[in-house]
Structures are given as C-alpha cells and as structure tokens.
C-alpha cells in the first residue's frame, strides 16, 4: 500500500487554511481561514509556504465533526505510514478539545481494534 498524505482541506467542498495572528482578510467563499496559535511542531515548510502537519490536519478534521468513515480511514493511513503514533494523535486531539479527542479516539478504536 502506498502512503498518501492526508489533507483535511480536501475532505470538504472548500479549502480550510490556517493563519497565525495577522491582518490577513478572507476574500473568497471557497476558502475558510482559521486563525490559531500553532506550535512550530504543527507546521511544515514547503517550497514558498508553510502548511500544517498531517497530524494537525487530522485533529482539526475531527474537531470539525467530519464523516466518521473519512476520519477512520485517514487515521489508519497515518498510522500505517508511520507519520504519527497513537500517542501523538491523542495528545494533539487533547490540545484542541473534547470534540477532537472523541473523534480521534473513535477513529483509533476502528484502526486499532
């Protein structure tokens, strides 16, 4: 099985983007701009821009209440590829709150029965 990078923004009909504390204004209905205080461990540098890590994307997707099947398969892919551990997923979800934690715990139960 080939490992693929999960992309929470692709799970919706719009793109979800995170931004730090800036005066950036949202100008397009197809883009949901989320402001958050991100730890450097939750950011990856790409050519010319930064993105949140797959771990952060999954926990944000859980917090948003994404479809269980999508979340379950994405968590399973993340674990199978070795991109994150069960412990890392739980810790990241705890930082976002109860809804994220519940979604991730449920997906982990499905992925690791």
PDB file of N, CA and C in Angstrom:
ATOM      1  N   UNK A   1       0.839  -1.178   0.000  1.00  0.00           N
ATOM      2  CA  UNK A   1       0.000   0.000   0.000  1.00  0.00           C
ATOM      3  C   UNK A   1       0.886   1.245   0.000  1.00  0.00           C
ATOM      4  N   UNK A   2       0.621   2.148  -0.877  1.00  0.00           N
ATOM      5  CA  UNK A   2       1.377   3.400  -0.926  1.00  0.00           C
ATOM      6  C   UNK A   2       0.845   4.358   0.134  1.00  0.00           C
ATOM      7  N   UNK A   3       1.755   5.054   0.777  1.00  0.00           N
ATOM      8  CA  UNK A   3       1.348   6.029   1.775  1.00  0.00           C
ATOM      9  C   UNK A   3       0.965   7.320   1.077  1.00  0.00           C
ATOM     10  N   UNK A   4      -0.120   7.895   1.520  1.00  0.00           N
ATOM     11  CA  UNK A   4      -0.529   9.178   0.969  1.00  0.00           C
ATOM     12  C   UNK A   4      -0.680  10.168   2.101  1.00  0.00           C
ATOM     13  N   UNK A   5      -0.394  11.402   1.826  1.00  0.00           N
ATOM     14  CA  UNK A   5      -0.515  12.444   2.830  1.00  0.00           C
ATOM     15  C   UNK A   5      -1.978  12.813   2.973  1.00  0.00           C
ATOM     16  N   UNK A   6      -2.520  12.743   4.181  1.00  0.00           N
ATOM     17  CA  UNK A   6      -3.899  13.182   4.359  1.00  0.00           C
ATOM     18  C   UNK A   6      -3.979  14.693   4.181  1.00  0.00           C
ATOM     19  N   UNK A   7      -5.076  15.137   3.669  1.00  0.00           N
ATOM     20  CA  UNK A   7      -5.283  16.579   3.503  1.00  0.00           C
ATOM     21  C   UNK A   7      -6.707  16.904   3.905  1.00  0.00           C
ATOM     22  N   UNK A   8      -6.879  17.383   5.101  1.00  0.00           N
ATOM     23  CA  UNK A   8      -8.204  17.666   5.623  1.00  0.00           C
ATOM     24  C   UNK A   8      -8.957  18.653   4.749  1.00  0.00           C
ATOM     25  N   UNK A   9      -8.261  19.599   4.150  1.00  0.00           N
ATOM     26  CA  UNK A   9      -8.922  20.571   3.303  1.00  0.00           C
ATOM     27  C   UNK A   9      -9.622  19.929   2.116  1.00  0.00           C
ATOM     28  N   UNK A  10      -9.193  18.742   1.720  1.00  0.00           N
ATOM     29  CA  UNK A  10      -9.808  18.051   0.599  1.00  0.00           C
ATOM     30  C   UNK A  10     -11.041  17.276   0.999  1.00  0.00           C
ATOM     31  N   UNK A  11     -11.334  17.200   2.284  1.00  0.00           N
ATOM     32  CA  UNK A  11     -12.491  16.465   2.752  1.00  0.00           C
ATOM     33  C   UNK A  11     -13.769  17.280   2.628  1.00  0.00           C
ATOM     34  N   UNK A  12     -13.646  18.529   2.320  1.00  0.00           N
ATOM     35  CA  UNK A  12     -14.785  19.431   2.267  1.00  0.00           C
ATOM     36  C   UNK A  12     -14.883  20.065   0.884  1.00  0.00           C
ATOM     37  N   UNK A  13     -15.959  20.750   0.614  1.00  0.00           N
ATOM     38  CA  UNK A  13     -16.131  21.442  -0.658  1.00  0.00           C
ATOM     39  C   UNK A  13     -15.399  22.776  -0.680  1.00  0.00           C
ATOM     40  N   UNK A  14     -14.750  23.105   0.401  1.00  0.00           N
ATOM     41  CA  UNK A  14     -13.970  24.328   0.453  1.00  0.00           C
ATOM     42  C   UNK A  14     -12.600  23.985   1.004  1.00  0.00           C
ATOM     43  N   UNK A  15     -11.677  24.871   0.822  1.00  0.00           N
ATOM     44  CA  UNK A  15     -10.337  24.682   1.362  1.00  0.00           C
ATOM     45  C   UNK A  15     -10.257  25.359   2.722  1.00  0.00           C
ATOM     46  N   UNK A  16      -9.748  24.636   3.699  1.00  0.00           N
ATOM     47  CA  UNK A  16      -9.567  25.177   5.034  1.00  0.00           C
ATOM     48  C   UNK A  16      -8.103  25.535   5.200  1.00  0.00           C
ATOM     49  N   UNK A  17      -7.832  26.786   5.501  1.00  0.00           N
ATOM     50  CA  UNK A  17      -6.470  27.264   5.663  1.00  0.00           C
ATOM     51  C   UNK A  17      -6.301  27.845   7.049  1.00  0.00           C
ATOM     52  N   UNK A  18      -5.137  27.625   7.624  1.00  0.00           N
ATOM     53  CA  UNK A  18      -4.829  28.194   8.927  1.00  0.00           C
ATOM     54  C   UNK A  18      -3.918  29.393   8.773  1.00  0.00           C
ATOM     55  N   UNK A  19      -4.094  30.356   9.648  1.00  0.00           N
ATOM     56  CA  UNK A  19      -3.244  31.546   9.616  1.00  0.00           C
ATOM     57  C   UNK A  19      -2.906  31.932  11.042  1.00  0.00           C
ATOM     58  N   UNK A  20      -1.739  32.491  11.209  1.00  0.00           N
ATOM     59  CA  UNK A  20      -1.352  32.985  12.524  1.00  0.00           C
ATOM     60  C   UNK A  20      -2.008  34.333  12.778  1.00  0.00           C
ATOM     61  N   UNK A  21      -1.534  35.015  13.785  1.00  0.00           N
ATOM     62  CA  UNK A  21      -2.046  36.348  14.076  1.00  0.00           C
ATOM     63  C   UNK A  21      -1.539  37.313  13.021  1.00  0.00           C
ATOM     64  N   UNK A  22      -2.384  37.616  12.080  1.00  0.00           N
ATOM     65  CA  UNK A  22      -2.013  38.547  11.015  1.00  0.00           C
ATOM     66  C   UNK A  22      -3.238  39.360  10.637  1.00  0.00           C
ATOM     67  N   UNK A  23      -3.049  40.328   9.792  1.00  0.00           N
ATOM     68  CA  UNK A  23      -4.188  41.121   9.358  1.00  0.00           C
ATOM     69  C   UNK A  23      -4.737  40.612   8.030  1.00  0.00           C
ATOM     70  N   UNK A  24      -4.497  39.347   7.736  1.00  0.00           N
ATOM     71  CA  UNK A  24      -4.991  38.718   6.526  1.00  0.00           C
ATOM     72  C   UNK A  24      -6.520  38.665   6.571  1.00  0.00           C
ATOM     73  N   UNK A  25      -7.167  39.029   5.501  1.00  0.00           N
ATOM     74  CA  UNK A  25      -8.622  39.030   5.429  1.00  0.00           C
ATOM     75  C   UNK A  25      -9.088  37.960   4.449  1.00  0.00           C
ATOM     76  N   UNK A  26     -10.166  37.288   4.795  1.00  0.00           N
ATOM     77  CA  UNK A  26     -10.732  36.269   3.918  1.00  0.00           C
ATOM     78  C   UNK A  26     -11.489  36.958   2.790  1.00  0.00           C
ATOM     79  N   UNK A  27     -11.178  36.589   1.546  1.00  0.00           N
ATOM     80  CA  UNK A  27     -11.784  37.258   0.400  1.00  0.00           C
ATOM     81  C   UNK A  27     -12.486  36.305  -0.552  1.00  0.00           C
ATOM     82  N   UNK A  28     -12.604  35.025  -0.201  1.00  0.00           N
ATOM     83  CA  UNK A  28     -13.170  34.052  -1.114  1.00  0.00           C
ATOM     84  C   UNK A  28     -14.035  33.080  -0.321  1.00  0.00           C
ATOM     85  N   UNK A  29     -15.275  32.878  -0.747  1.00  0.00           N
ATOM     86  CA  UNK A  29     -16.190  31.993  -0.034  1.00  0.00           C
ATOM     87  C   UNK A  29     -15.752  30.533  -0.092  1.00  0.00           C
ATOM     88  N   UNK A  30     -14.894  30.178  -1.046  1.00  0.00           N
ATOM     89  CA  UNK A  30     -14.426  28.798  -1.170  1.00  0.00           C
ATOM     90  C   UNK A  30     -13.284  28.490  -0.214  1.00  0.00           C
ATOM     91  N   UNK A  31     -12.841  29.494   0.528  1.00  0.00           N
ATOM     92  CA  UNK A  31     -11.738  29.318   1.469  1.00  0.00           C
ATOM     93  C   UNK A  31     -12.211  29.681   2.868  1.00  0.00           C
ATOM     94  N   UNK A  32     -11.991  28.778   3.799  1.00  0.00           N
ATOM     95  CA  UNK A  32     -12.273  29.049   5.209  1.00  0.00           C
ATOM     96  C   UNK A  32     -10.944  29.301   5.894  1.00  0.00           C
ATOM     97  N   UNK A  33     -10.746  30.512   6.363  1.00  0.00           N
ATOM     98  CA  UNK A  33      -9.499  30.882   7.009  1.00  0.00           C
ATOM     99  C   UNK A  33      -9.664  30.766   8.521  1.00  0.00           C
ATOM    100  N   UNK A  34      -8.836  29.940   9.141  1.00  0.00           N
ATOM    101  CA  UNK A  34      -8.888  29.715  10.587  1.00  0.00           C
ATOM    102  C   UNK A  34      -7.651  30.330  11.215  1.00  0.00           C
ATOM    103  N   UNK A  35      -7.851  31.120  12.222  1.00  0.00           N
ATOM    104  CA  UNK A  35      -6.713  31.681  12.946  1.00  0.00           C
ATOM    105  C   UNK A  35      -6.477  30.846  14.190  1.00  0.00           C
ATOM    106  N   UNK A  36      -5.232  30.490  14.416  1.00  0.00           N
ATOM    107  CA  UNK A  36      -4.892  29.670  15.573  1.00  0.00           C
ATOM    108  C   UNK A  36      -3.451  29.927  15.975  1.00  0.00           C
ATOM    109  N   UNK A  37      -3.185  29.764  17.244  1.00  0.00           N
ATOM    110  CA  UNK A  37      -1.811  29.793  17.719  1.00  0.00           C
ATOM    111  C   UNK A  37      -1.243  28.398  17.518  1.00  0.00           C
ATOM    112  N   UNK A  38      -0.349  28.263  16.552  1.00  0.00           N
ATOM    113  CA  UNK A  38       0.224  26.966  16.226  1.00  0.00           C
ATOM    114  C   UNK A  38       1.615  26.838  16.831  1.00  0.00           C
ATOM    115  N   UNK A  39       1.880  25.646  17.318  1.00  0.00           N
ATOM    116  CA  UNK A  39       3.219  25.308  17.779  1.00  0.00           C
ATOM    117  C   UNK A  39       4.052  25.000  16.534  1.00  0.00           C
ATOM    118  N   UNK A  40       5.358  25.275  16.577  1.00  0.00           N
ATOM    119  CA  UNK A  40       6.206  25.000  15.412  1.00  0.00           C
ATOM    120  C   UNK A  40       6.164  23.533  15.003  1.00  0.00           C
ATOM    121  N   UNK A  41       5.871  22.630  15.943  1.00  0.00           N
ATOM    122  CA  UNK A  41       5.794  21.204  15.610  1.00  0.00           C
ATOM    123  C   UNK A  41       4.570  20.888  14.752  1.00  0.00           C
ATOM    124  N   UNK A  42       3.631  21.826  14.635  1.00  0.00           N
ATOM    125  CA  UNK A  42       2.420  21.614  13.854  1.00  0.00           C
ATOM    126  C   UNK A  42       2.507  22.227  12.456  1.00  0.00           C
ATOM    127  N   UNK A  43       3.692  22.667  12.083  1.00  0.00           N
ATOM    128  CA  UNK A  43       3.885  23.351  10.806  1.00  0.00           C
ATOM    129  C   UNK A  43       5.006  22.675  10.020  1.00  0.00           C
ATOM    130  N   UNK A  44       4.795  22.526   8.705  1.00  0.00           N
ATOM    131  CA  UNK A  44       5.828  22.014   7.805  1.00  0.00           C
ATOM    132  C   UNK A  44       6.150  23.093   6.785  1.00  0.00           C
ATOM    133  N   UNK A  45       7.415  23.246   6.472  1.00  0.00           N
ATOM    134  CA  UNK A  45       7.836  24.210   5.451  1.00  0.00           C
ATOM    135  C   UNK A  45       7.798  23.528   4.097  1.00  0.00           C
ATOM    136  N   UNK A  46       7.086  24.104   3.157  1.00  0.00           N
ATOM    137  CA  UNK A  46       7.065  23.636   1.771  1.00  0.00           C
ATOM    138  C   UNK A  46       7.722  24.708   0.910  1.00  0.00           C
ATOM    139  N   UNK A  47       7.869  24.449  -0.351  1.00  0.00           N
ATOM    140  CA  UNK A  47       8.519  25.418  -1.227  1.00  0.00           C
ATOM    141  C   UNK A  47       7.676  26.695  -1.335  1.00  0.00           C
ATOM    142  N   UNK A  48       8.116  27.729  -0.637  1.00  0.00           N
ATOM    143  CA  UNK A  48       7.453  29.019  -0.727  1.00  0.00           C
ATOM    144  C   UNK A  48       6.338  29.269   0.268  1.00  0.00           C
ATOM    145  N   UNK A  49       5.958  28.266   1.058  1.00  0.00           N
ATOM    146  CA  UNK A  49       4.882  28.473   2.024  1.00  0.00           C
ATOM    147  C   UNK A  49       4.946  27.420   3.121  1.00  0.00           C
ATOM    148  N   UNK A  50       4.192  27.640   4.164  1.00  0.00           N
ATOM    149  CA  UNK A  50       4.105  26.686   5.267  1.00  0.00           C
ATOM    150  C   UNK A  50       2.705  26.085   5.319  1.00  0.00           C
ATOM    151  N   UNK A  51       2.623  24.841   5.739  1.00  0.00           N
ATOM    152  CA  UNK A  51       1.338  24.161   5.910  1.00  0.00           C
ATOM    153  C   UNK A  51       1.323  23.465   7.263  1.00  0.00           C
ATOM    154  N   UNK A  52       0.128  23.181   7.740  1.00  0.00           N
ATOM    155  CA  UNK A  52       0.039  22.416   8.976  1.00  0.00           C
ATOM    156  C   UNK A  52       0.375  20.962   8.681  1.00  0.00           C
ATOM    157  N   UNK A  53       0.859  20.263   9.689  1.00  0.00           N
ATOM    158  CA  UNK A  53       1.250  18.860   9.540  1.00  0.00           C
ATOM    159  C   UNK A  53       0.019  17.976   9.364  1.00  0.00           C
ATOM    160  N   UNK A  54       0.186  16.784   8.798  1.00  0.00           N
ATOM    161  CA  UNK A  54      -0.940  15.862   8.697  1.00  0.00           C
ATOM    162  C   UNK A  54      -1.581  15.581  10.066  1.00  0.00           C
ATOM    163  N   UNK A  55      -0.764  15.516  11.101  1.00  0.00           N
ATOM    164  CA  UNK A  55      -1.288  15.284  12.454  1.00  0.00           C
ATOM    165  C   UNK A  55      -2.253  16.402  12.854  1.00  0.00           C
ATOM    166  N   UNK A  56      -1.866  17.647  12.634  1.00  0.00           N
ATOM    167  CA  UNK A  56      -2.734  18.780  12.960  1.00  0.00           C
ATOM    168  C   UNK A  56      -3.988  18.771  12.087  1.00  0.00           C
ATOM    169  N   UNK A  57      -3.825  18.456  10.793  1.00  0.00           N
ATOM    170  CA  UNK A  57      -4.969  18.408   9.878  1.00  0.00           C
ATOM    171  C   UNK A  57      -6.019  17.410  10.346  1.00  0.00           C
ATOM    172  N   UNK A  58      -5.559  16.230  10.753  1.00  0.00           N
ATOM    173  CA  UNK A  58      -6.499  15.200  11.185  1.00  0.00           C
ATOM    174  C   UNK A  58      -7.235  15.611  12.451  1.00  0.00           C
ATOM    175  N   UNK A  59      -6.520  16.192  13.400  1.00  0.00           N
ATOM    176  CA  UNK A  59      -7.189  16.591  14.641  1.00  0.00           C
ATOM    177  C   UNK A  59      -8.170  17.740  14.389  1.00  0.00           C
ATOM    178  N   UNK A  60      -7.829  18.658  13.483  1.00  0.00           N
ATOM    179  CA  UNK A  60      -8.773  19.718  13.131  1.00  0.00           C
ATOM    180  C   UNK A  60     -10.001  19.149  12.421  1.00  0.00           C
ATOM    181  N   UNK A  61      -9.787  18.130  11.599  1.00  0.00           N
ATOM    182  CA  UNK A  61     -10.890  17.479  10.907  1.00  0.00           C
ATOM    183  C   UNK A  61     -11.811  16.792  11.910  1.00  0.00           C
ATOM    184  N   UNK A  62     -11.231  16.156  12.908  1.00  0.00           N
ATOM    185  CA  UNK A  62     -12.032  15.529  13.962  1.00  0.00           C
ATOM    186  C   UNK A  62     -12.820  16.578  14.736  1.00  0.00           C
ATOM    187  N   UNK A  63     -12.168  17.694  15.027  1.00  0.00           N
ATOM    188  CA  UNK A  63     -12.828  18.779  15.758  1.00  0.00           C
ATOM    189  C   UNK A  63     -14.004  19.352  14.958  1.00  0.00           C
ATOM    190  N   UNK A  64     -13.872  19.371  13.648  1.00  0.00           N
ATOM    191  CA  UNK A  64     -14.923  19.911  12.782  1.00  0.00           C
ATOM    192  C   UNK A  64     -16.092  18.945  12.619  1.00  0.00           C
ATOM    193  N   UNK A  65     -15.945  17.716  13.128  1.00  0.00           N
ATOM    194  CA  UNK A  65     -17.030  16.743  13.041  1.00  0.00           C
ATOM    195  C   UNK A  65     -17.143  16.078  11.686  1.00  0.00           C
ATOM    196  N   UNK A  66     -16.019  15.794  11.063  1.00  0.00           N
ATOM    197  CA  UNK A  66     -16.012  15.160   9.736  1.00  0.00           C
ATOM    198  C   UNK A  66     -16.671  13.784   9.772  1.00  0.00           C
ATOM    199  N   UNK A  67     -17.045  13.318   8.606  1.00  0.00           N
ATOM    200  CA  UNK A  67     -17.637  11.988   8.432  1.00  0.00           C
ATOM    201  C   UNK A  67     -16.733  10.942   9.084  1.00  0.00           C
ATOM    202  N   UNK A  68     -17.311  10.049   9.872  1.00  0.00           N
ATOM    203  CA  UNK A  68     -16.527   9.040  10.593  1.00  0.00           C
ATOM    204  C   UNK A  68     -15.721   8.153   9.662  1.00  0.00           C
ATOM    205  N   UNK A  69     -16.295   7.754   8.528  1.00  0.00           N
ATOM    206  CA  UNK A  69     -15.578   6.872   7.604  1.00  0.00           C
ATOM    207  C   UNK A  69     -14.320   7.548   7.056  1.00  0.00           C
ATOM    208  N   UNK A  70     -14.432   8.825   6.742  1.00  0.00           N
ATOM    209  CA  UNK A  70     -13.287   9.566   6.220  1.00  0.00           C
ATOM    210  C   UNK A  70     -12.219   9.688   7.295  1.00  0.00           C
ATOM    211  N   UNK A  71     -12.624  10.061   8.496  1.00  0.00           N
ATOM    212  CA  UNK A  71     -11.677  10.211   9.597  1.00  0.00           C
ATOM    213  C   UNK A  71     -11.025   8.873   9.941  1.00  0.00           C
ATOM    214  N   UNK A  72     -11.807   7.802   9.987  1.00  0.00           N
ATOM    215  CA  UNK A  72     -11.277   6.473  10.301  1.00  0.00           C
ATOM    216  C   UNK A  72     -10.202   6.051   9.306  1.00  0.00           C
ATOM    217  N   UNK A  73     -10.481   6.210   8.016  1.00  0.00           N
ATOM    218  CA  UNK A  73      -9.515   5.769   7.008  1.00  0.00           C
ATOM    219  C   UNK A  73      -8.274   6.663   6.996  1.00  0.00           C
ATOM    220  N   UNK A  74      -8.449   7.943   7.263  1.00  0.00           N
ATOM    221  CA  UNK A  74      -7.309   8.847   7.279  1.00  0.00           C
ATOM    222  C   UNK A  74      -6.401   8.558   8.464  1.00  0.00           C
ATOM    223  N   UNK A  75      -6.988   8.300   9.619  1.00  0.00           N
ATOM    224  CA  UNK A  75      -6.196   7.935  10.804  1.00  0.00           C
ATOM    225  C   UNK A  75      -5.462   6.619  10.556  1.00  0.00           C
ATOM    226  N   UNK A  76      -6.143   5.646   9.972  1.00  0.00           N
ATOM    227  CA  UNK A  76      -5.499   4.359   9.663  1.00  0.00           C
ATOM    228  C   UNK A  76      -4.319   4.556   8.713  1.00  0.00           C
ATOM    229  N   UNK A  77      -4.490   5.393   7.685  1.00  0.00           N
ATOM    230  CA  UNK A  77      -3.397   5.681   6.750  1.00  0.00           C
ATOM    231  C   UNK A  77      -2.217   6.338   7.469  1.00  0.00           C
ATOM    232  N   UNK A  78      -2.505   7.281   8.329  1.00  0.00           N
ATOM    233  CA  UNK A  78      -1.454   7.988   9.062  1.00  0.00           C
ATOM    234  C   UNK A  78      -0.652   7.015   9.924  1.00  0.00           C
ATOM    235  N   UNK A  79      -1.339   6.109  10.606  1.00  0.00           N
ATOM    236  CA  UNK A  79      -0.670   5.122  11.453  1.00  0.00           C
ATOM    237  C   UNK A  79       0.113   4.114  10.618  1.00  0.00           C
ATOM    238  N   UNK A  80      -0.486   3.634   9.534  1.00  0.00           N
ATOM    239  CA  UNK A  80       0.174   2.642   8.677  1.00  0.00           C
ATOM    240  C   UNK A  80       1.437   3.183   8.025  1.00  0.00           C
ATOM    241  N   UNK A  81       1.442   4.461   7.716  1.00  0.00           N
ATOM    242  CA  UNK A  81       2.610   5.080   7.090  1.00  0.00           C
ATOM    243  C   UNK A  81       3.672   5.466   8.109  1.00  0.00           C
ATOM    244  N   UNK A  82       3.336   5.409   9.381  1.00  0.00           N
ATOM    245  CA  UNK A  82       4.293   5.775  10.406  1.00  0.00           C
ATOM    246  C   UNK A  82       4.476   7.280  10.550  1.00  0.00           C
ATOM    247  N   UNK A  83       3.540   8.047  10.003  1.00  0.00           N
ATOM    248  CA  UNK A  83       3.612   9.504  10.078  1.00  0.00           C
ATOM    249  C   UNK A  83       3.373  10.002  11.497  1.00  0.00           C
ATOM    250  N   UNK A  84       2.573   9.252  12.252  1.00  0.00           N
ATOM    251  CA  UNK A  84       2.290   9.606  13.649  1.00  0.00           C
ATOM    252  C   UNK A  84       1.962   8.332  14.421  1.00  0.00           C
ATOM    253  N   UNK A  85       2.068   8.436  15.719  1.00  0.00           N
ATOM    254  CA  UNK A  85       1.726   7.315  16.598  1.00  0.00           C
ATOM    255  C   UNK A  85       0.367   7.567  17.244  1.00  0.00           C
ATOM    256  N   UNK A  86      -0.170   6.534  17.851  1.00  0.00           N
ATOM    257  CA  UNK A  86      -1.434   6.652  18.585  1.00  0.00           C
ATOM    258  C   UNK A  86      -1.307   7.738  19.654  1.00  0.00           C
ATOM    259  N   UNK A  87      -0.203   7.710  20.366  1.00  0.00           N
ATOM    260  CA  UNK A  87       0.014   8.677  21.447  1.00  0.00           C
ATOM    261  C   UNK A  87       0.060  10.112  20.907  1.00  0.00           C
ATOM    262  N   UNK A  88       0.749  10.312  19.786  1.00  0.00           N
ATOM    263  CA  UNK A  88       0.819  11.655  19.187  1.00  0.00           C
ATOM    264  C   UNK A  88      -0.567  12.148  18.760  1.00  0.00           C
ATOM    265  N   UNK A  89      -1.353  11.253  18.171  1.00  0.00           N
ATOM    266  CA  UNK A  89      -2.710  11.621  17.766  1.00  0.00           C
ATOM    267  C   UNK A  89      -3.556  12.033  18.967  1.00  0.00           C
ATOM    268  N   UNK A  90      -3.492  11.243  20.023  1.00  0.00           N
ATOM    269  CA  UNK A  90      -4.281  11.569  21.219  1.00  0.00           C
ATOM    270  C   UNK A  90      -3.843  12.882  21.847  1.00  0.00           C
ATOM    271  N   UNK A  91      -2.552  13.095  21.931  1.00  0.00           N
ATOM    272  CA  UNK A  91      -2.041  14.333  22.523  1.00  0.00           C
ATOM    273  C   UNK A  91      -2.475  15.550  21.698  1.00  0.00           C
ATOM    274  N   UNK A  92      -2.360  15.449  20.383  1.00  0.00           N
ATOM    275  CA  UNK A  92      -2.760  16.564  19.512  1.00  0.00           C
ATOM    276  C   UNK A  92      -4.256  16.843  19.626  1.00  0.00           C
ATOM    277  N   UNK A  93      -5.053  15.795  19.715  1.00  0.00           N
ATOM    278  CA  UNK A  93      -6.506  15.965  19.851  1.00  0.00           C
ATOM    279  C   UNK A  93      -6.860  16.599  21.196  1.00  0.00           C
ATOM    280  N   UNK A  94      -6.171  16.221  22.241  1.00  0.00           N
ATOM    281  CA  UNK A  94      -6.422  16.801  23.561  1.00  0.00           C
ATOM    282  C   UNK A  94      -6.172  18.306  23.558  1.00  0.00           C
ATOM    283  N   UNK A  95      -5.187  18.749  22.784  1.00  0.00           N
ATOM    284  CA  UNK A  95      -4.892  20.190  22.708  1.00  0.00           C
ATOM    285  C   UNK A  95      -6.045  20.971  22.084  1.00  0.00           C
ATOM    286  N   UNK A  96      -6.818  20.329  21.200  1.00  0.00           N
ATOM    287  CA  UNK A  96      -7.917  21.024  20.526  1.00  0.00           C
ATOM    288  C   UNK A  96      -9.240  20.933  21.269  1.00  0.00           C
ATOM    289  N   UNK A  97      -9.380  19.963  22.160  1.00  0.00           N
ATOM    290  CA  UNK A  97     -10.617  19.903  22.932  1.00  0.00           C
ATOM    291  C   UNK A  97     -11.357  18.583  22.819  1.00  0.00           C
ATOM    292  N   UNK A  98     -12.463  18.521  23.537  1.00  0.00           N
ATOM    293  CA  UNK A  98     -13.219  17.282  23.694  1.00  0.00           C
ATOM    294  C   UNK A  98     -13.737  16.710  22.373  1.00  0.00           C
ATOM    295  N   UNK A  99     -14.228  17.556  21.482  1.00  0.00           N
ATOM    296  CA  UNK A  99     -14.779  17.047  20.220  1.00  0.00           C
ATOM    297  C   UNK A  99     -13.695  16.391  19.371  1.00  0.00           C
ATOM    298  N   UNK A 100     -12.532  17.017  19.300  1.00  0.00           N
ATOM    299  CA  UNK A 100     -11.412  16.444  18.546  1.00  0.00           C
ATOM    300  C   UNK A 100     -10.954  15.144  19.199  1.00  0.00           C
ATOM    301  N   UNK A 101     -10.873  15.160  20.512  1.00  0.00           N
ATOM    302  CA  UNK A 101     -10.418  13.980  21.242  1.00  0.00           C
ATOM    303  C   UNK A 101     -11.369  12.804  21.023  1.00  0.00           C
ATOM    304  N   UNK A 102     -12.661  13.052  21.084  1.00  0.00           N
ATOM    305  CA  UNK A 102     -13.641  11.984  20.882  1.00  0.00           C
ATOM    306  C   UNK A 102     -13.551  11.417  19.467  1.00  0.00           C
ATOM    307  N   UNK A 103     -13.428  12.293  18.463  1.00  0.00           N
ATOM    308  CA  UNK A 103     -13.329  11.829  17.082  1.00  0.00           C
ATOM    309  C   UNK A 103     -12.079  11.000  16.832  1.00  0.00           C
ATOM    310  N   UNK A 104     -10.953  11.449  17.380  1.00  0.00           N
ATOM    311  CA  UNK A 104      -9.701  10.717  17.200  1.00  0.00           C
ATOM    312  C   UNK A 104      -9.734   9.388  17.958  1.00  0.00           C
ATOM    313  N   UNK A 105     -10.249   9.393  19.178  1.00  0.00           N
ATOM    314  CA  UNK A 105     -10.344   8.139  19.938  1.00  0.00           C
ATOM    315  C   UNK A 105     -11.201   7.118  19.201  1.00  0.00           C
ATOM    316  N   UNK A 106     -12.312   7.564  18.634  1.00  0.00           N
ATOM    317  CA  UNK A 106     -13.187   6.663  17.894  1.00  0.00           C
ATOM    318  C   UNK A 106     -12.454   6.100  16.668  1.00  0.00           C
ATOM    319  N   UNK A 107     -11.755   6.968  15.942  1.00  0.00           N
ATOM    320  CA  UNK A 107     -11.019   6.517  14.751  1.00  0.00           C
ATOM    321  C   UNK A 107      -9.893   5.559  15.124  1.00  0.00           C
ATOM    322  N   UNK A 108      -9.242   5.808  16.236  1.00  0.00           N
ATOM    323  CA  UNK A 108      -8.177   4.903  16.697  1.00  0.00           C
ATOM    324  C   UNK A 108      -8.749   3.541  17.076  1.00  0.00           C
ATOM    325  N   UNK A 109      -9.915   3.541  17.675  1.00  0.00           N
ATOM    326  CA  UNK A 109     -10.558   2.269  18.055  1.00  0.00           C
ATOM    327  C   UNK A 109     -10.861   1.443  16.804  1.00  0.00           C
ATOM    328  N   UNK A 110     -11.272   2.105  15.736  1.00  0.00           N
ATOM    329  CA  UNK A 110     -11.561   1.414  14.482  1.00  0.00           C
ATOM    330  C   UNK A 110     -10.267   0.936  13.823  1.00  0.00           C
ATOM    331  N   UNK A 111      -9.235   1.801  13.840  1.00  0.00           N
ATOM    332  CA  UNK A 111      -7.965   1.475  13.193  1.00  0.00           C
ATOM    333  C   UNK A 111      -7.167   0.423  13.947  1.00  0.00           C
ATOM    334  N   UNK A 112      -7.261   0.461  15.271  1.00  0.00           N
ATOM    335  CA  UNK A 112      -6.502  -0.473  16.132  1.00  0.00           C
ATOM    336  C   UNK A 112      -7.461  -1.190  17.081  1.00  0.00           C
ATOM    337  N   UNK A 113      -8.248  -2.139  16.540  1.00  0.00           N
ATOM    338  CA  UNK A 113      -9.239  -2.808  17.402  1.00  0.00           C
ATOM    339  C   UNK A 113      -8.625  -3.607  18.517  1.00  0.00           C
TER     340      UNK A 113
END
